[in-house]
N, C-alpha and C. Protein backbone atom coordinates (compact mmCIF):
# COMPACT_ATOMS: atom_id res chain seq x y z
N MET A 1 64.97 -84.17 -51.63
CA MET A 1 64.86 -83.49 -50.35
C MET A 1 65.03 -81.99 -50.58
N LYS A 2 64.22 -81.22 -49.95
CA LYS A 2 64.31 -79.76 -50.07
C LYS A 2 65.58 -79.27 -49.38
N LEU A 3 66.14 -78.23 -49.95
CA LEU A 3 67.38 -77.66 -49.44
C LEU A 3 67.24 -77.23 -47.98
N ALA A 4 66.14 -76.59 -47.65
CA ALA A 4 65.92 -76.11 -46.29
C ALA A 4 66.01 -77.25 -45.28
N ARG A 5 65.31 -78.34 -45.56
CA ARG A 5 65.32 -79.49 -44.65
C ARG A 5 66.68 -80.14 -44.60
N PHE A 6 67.34 -80.23 -45.75
CA PHE A 6 68.67 -80.83 -45.84
C PHE A 6 69.65 -80.09 -44.92
N VAL A 7 69.68 -78.77 -45.03
CA VAL A 7 70.61 -77.98 -44.21
C VAL A 7 70.29 -78.12 -42.73
N LYS A 8 69.02 -78.05 -42.40
CA LYS A 8 68.62 -78.16 -40.99
C LYS A 8 69.01 -79.51 -40.41
N GLU A 9 68.77 -80.58 -41.17
CA GLU A 9 69.12 -81.92 -40.68
C GLU A 9 70.63 -82.09 -40.54
N LYS A 10 71.39 -81.58 -41.51
CA LYS A 10 72.86 -81.66 -41.43
C LYS A 10 73.37 -80.87 -40.24
N ARG A 11 72.82 -79.69 -40.02
CA ARG A 11 73.24 -78.84 -38.88
C ARG A 11 72.98 -79.56 -37.56
N LYS A 12 71.81 -80.13 -37.43
CA LYS A 12 71.46 -80.82 -36.18
C LYS A 12 72.30 -82.08 -35.99
N ALA A 13 72.65 -82.75 -37.09
CA ALA A 13 73.44 -83.97 -37.01
C ALA A 13 74.83 -83.72 -36.43
N VAL A 14 75.35 -82.51 -36.64
CA VAL A 14 76.67 -82.17 -36.10
C VAL A 14 76.55 -81.27 -34.87
N ASN A 15 75.35 -81.21 -34.30
CA ASN A 15 75.09 -80.47 -33.07
C ASN A 15 75.51 -79.01 -33.11
N LEU A 16 75.11 -78.32 -34.18
CA LEU A 16 75.37 -76.89 -34.29
C LEU A 16 74.07 -76.11 -34.14
N THR A 17 74.14 -74.98 -33.47
CA THR A 17 73.00 -74.07 -33.44
C THR A 17 73.04 -73.23 -34.70
N GLN A 18 71.98 -72.54 -34.98
CA GLN A 18 71.97 -71.65 -36.14
C GLN A 18 73.07 -70.58 -36.04
N PRO A 19 73.24 -69.93 -34.87
CA PRO A 19 74.32 -68.95 -34.76
C PRO A 19 75.71 -69.57 -34.98
N GLU A 20 75.91 -70.78 -34.50
CA GLU A 20 77.21 -71.44 -34.69
C GLU A 20 77.45 -71.76 -36.17
N LEU A 21 76.41 -72.22 -36.85
CA LEU A 21 76.53 -72.52 -38.28
C LEU A 21 76.84 -71.24 -39.06
N ALA A 22 76.15 -70.18 -38.74
CA ALA A 22 76.39 -68.91 -39.42
C ALA A 22 77.84 -68.47 -39.25
N GLU A 23 78.35 -68.56 -38.04
CA GLU A 23 79.73 -68.16 -37.77
C GLU A 23 80.72 -69.03 -38.53
N LYS A 24 80.55 -70.33 -38.46
CA LYS A 24 81.47 -71.24 -39.13
C LYS A 24 81.45 -71.09 -40.66
N ALA A 25 80.27 -70.78 -41.21
CA ALA A 25 80.13 -70.65 -42.66
C ALA A 25 80.50 -69.25 -43.15
N GLY A 26 80.56 -68.30 -42.24
CA GLY A 26 80.88 -66.94 -42.64
C GLY A 26 79.71 -66.21 -43.27
N VAL A 27 78.51 -66.56 -42.82
CA VAL A 27 77.30 -65.89 -43.29
C VAL A 27 76.55 -65.35 -42.08
N GLY A 28 75.56 -64.53 -42.32
CA GLY A 28 74.78 -63.97 -41.22
C GLY A 28 73.76 -64.95 -40.68
N LEU A 29 73.39 -64.73 -39.43
CA LEU A 29 72.37 -65.57 -38.79
C LEU A 29 71.04 -65.46 -39.54
N ARG A 30 70.70 -64.28 -39.98
CA ARG A 30 69.46 -64.10 -40.75
C ARG A 30 69.47 -64.97 -42.00
N PHE A 31 70.62 -65.05 -42.67
CA PHE A 31 70.71 -65.88 -43.87
C PHE A 31 70.44 -67.34 -43.53
N VAL A 32 71.04 -67.85 -42.46
CA VAL A 32 70.83 -69.25 -42.06
C VAL A 32 69.35 -69.48 -41.75
N ARG A 33 68.74 -68.57 -41.05
CA ARG A 33 67.32 -68.73 -40.72
C ARG A 33 66.46 -68.75 -41.98
N GLU A 34 66.74 -67.83 -42.91
CA GLU A 34 65.97 -67.80 -44.15
C GLU A 34 66.20 -69.05 -44.99
N LEU A 35 67.43 -69.55 -45.00
CA LEU A 35 67.76 -70.77 -45.72
C LEU A 35 66.96 -71.94 -45.17
N GLU A 36 66.96 -72.09 -43.85
CA GLU A 36 66.25 -73.21 -43.21
C GLU A 36 64.73 -73.06 -43.28
N GLN A 37 64.25 -71.86 -43.51
CA GLN A 37 62.80 -71.64 -43.64
C GLN A 37 62.35 -71.76 -45.09
N GLY A 38 63.30 -72.00 -46.01
CA GLY A 38 62.94 -72.23 -47.39
C GLY A 38 62.66 -70.99 -48.21
N LYS A 39 63.31 -69.87 -47.87
CA LYS A 39 63.14 -68.65 -48.65
C LYS A 39 63.42 -68.95 -50.12
N GLN A 40 62.59 -68.40 -51.00
CA GLN A 40 62.65 -68.72 -52.43
C GLN A 40 63.86 -68.12 -53.13
N SER A 41 64.33 -66.97 -52.70
CA SER A 41 65.47 -66.33 -53.37
C SER A 41 66.61 -66.12 -52.39
N LEU A 42 67.70 -66.82 -52.63
CA LEU A 42 68.89 -66.73 -51.80
C LEU A 42 70.11 -66.65 -52.71
N ARG A 43 71.16 -66.01 -52.23
CA ARG A 43 72.40 -65.94 -53.01
C ARG A 43 73.07 -67.31 -53.02
N LEU A 44 73.34 -67.81 -54.22
CA LEU A 44 73.93 -69.15 -54.36
C LEU A 44 75.33 -69.22 -53.78
N ASP A 45 76.10 -68.14 -53.85
CA ASP A 45 77.43 -68.18 -53.27
C ASP A 45 77.37 -68.40 -51.76
N LYS A 46 76.39 -67.77 -51.12
CA LYS A 46 76.24 -67.96 -49.67
C LYS A 46 75.68 -69.35 -49.34
N VAL A 47 74.77 -69.84 -50.18
CA VAL A 47 74.25 -71.20 -49.98
C VAL A 47 75.42 -72.18 -50.04
N ASN A 48 76.29 -71.99 -51.01
CA ASN A 48 77.46 -72.88 -51.14
C ASN A 48 78.41 -72.75 -49.95
N GLN A 49 78.54 -71.57 -49.39
CA GLN A 49 79.39 -71.42 -48.20
C GLN A 49 78.88 -72.32 -47.08
N VAL A 50 77.58 -72.36 -46.91
CA VAL A 50 76.98 -73.20 -45.87
C VAL A 50 77.14 -74.67 -46.23
N LEU A 51 76.80 -75.03 -47.46
CA LEU A 51 76.86 -76.43 -47.87
C LEU A 51 78.27 -77.01 -47.82
N ARG A 52 79.28 -76.19 -48.09
CA ARG A 52 80.66 -76.68 -48.08
C ARG A 52 81.06 -77.24 -46.71
N LEU A 53 80.48 -76.72 -45.65
CA LEU A 53 80.78 -77.24 -44.31
C LEU A 53 80.41 -78.72 -44.19
N PHE A 54 79.45 -79.14 -45.01
CA PHE A 54 78.98 -80.52 -44.97
C PHE A 54 79.48 -81.34 -46.15
N GLY A 55 80.35 -80.73 -46.96
CA GLY A 55 80.91 -81.45 -48.10
C GLY A 55 80.02 -81.46 -49.33
N TYR A 56 79.15 -80.46 -49.48
CA TYR A 56 78.22 -80.39 -50.60
C TYR A 56 78.31 -79.04 -51.28
N GLU A 57 77.70 -78.95 -52.45
CA GLU A 57 77.52 -77.68 -53.14
C GLU A 57 76.26 -77.77 -53.99
N VAL A 58 75.73 -76.65 -54.39
CA VAL A 58 74.53 -76.60 -55.23
C VAL A 58 74.88 -77.12 -56.61
N GLY A 59 73.99 -77.89 -57.20
CA GLY A 59 74.21 -78.41 -58.54
C GLY A 59 72.90 -78.58 -59.29
N ALA A 60 73.00 -78.76 -60.57
CA ALA A 60 71.81 -78.95 -61.40
C ALA A 60 71.30 -80.38 -61.26
N VAL A 61 70.00 -80.50 -61.17
CA VAL A 61 69.35 -81.81 -61.12
C VAL A 61 68.19 -81.79 -62.10
N PRO A 62 67.77 -82.96 -62.60
CA PRO A 62 66.64 -82.99 -63.52
C PRO A 62 65.38 -82.43 -62.86
N ALA A 63 64.64 -81.65 -63.61
CA ALA A 63 63.41 -81.06 -63.10
C ALA A 63 62.30 -82.11 -63.09
N LYS A 64 61.44 -82.04 -62.09
CA LYS A 64 60.29 -82.92 -62.02
C LYS A 64 59.16 -82.33 -62.84
N LYS A 65 58.36 -83.19 -63.43
CA LYS A 65 57.19 -82.72 -64.16
C LYS A 65 56.17 -82.22 -63.14
N GLU A 66 55.28 -81.37 -63.57
CA GLU A 66 54.31 -80.75 -62.66
C GLU A 66 53.46 -81.75 -61.91
N ASN A 67 53.13 -82.90 -62.49
CA ASN A 67 52.26 -83.87 -61.82
C ASN A 67 53.04 -84.84 -60.94
N GLU A 68 54.37 -84.73 -60.88
CA GLU A 68 55.17 -85.59 -60.00
C GLU A 68 55.31 -84.94 -58.63
N GLN A 69 55.48 -85.75 -57.62
CA GLN A 69 55.66 -85.25 -56.25
C GLN A 69 57.11 -85.19 -55.90
C-alpha cells in the first residue's frame, strides 16, 4: 500500500481532518496535504511524526522488480 493512501485511510478511520492530524502530529497542514497527495520527497522525521500517531514508523521493505505491480 502506498504511504499516501495508508495515511489518508488511517486518518479517516479515526475521524480526523487534515488540520486536526497536522496539529496532533506537530507538523504543518501543508505537510499533511503533500503526504496524502504522494509527494515524492518528504522529510522522514516528519513522516514518522505522523505515523507514530497510528503506531507505525517508516521502515525498509524489499524492493519490487520493475515488472512487478
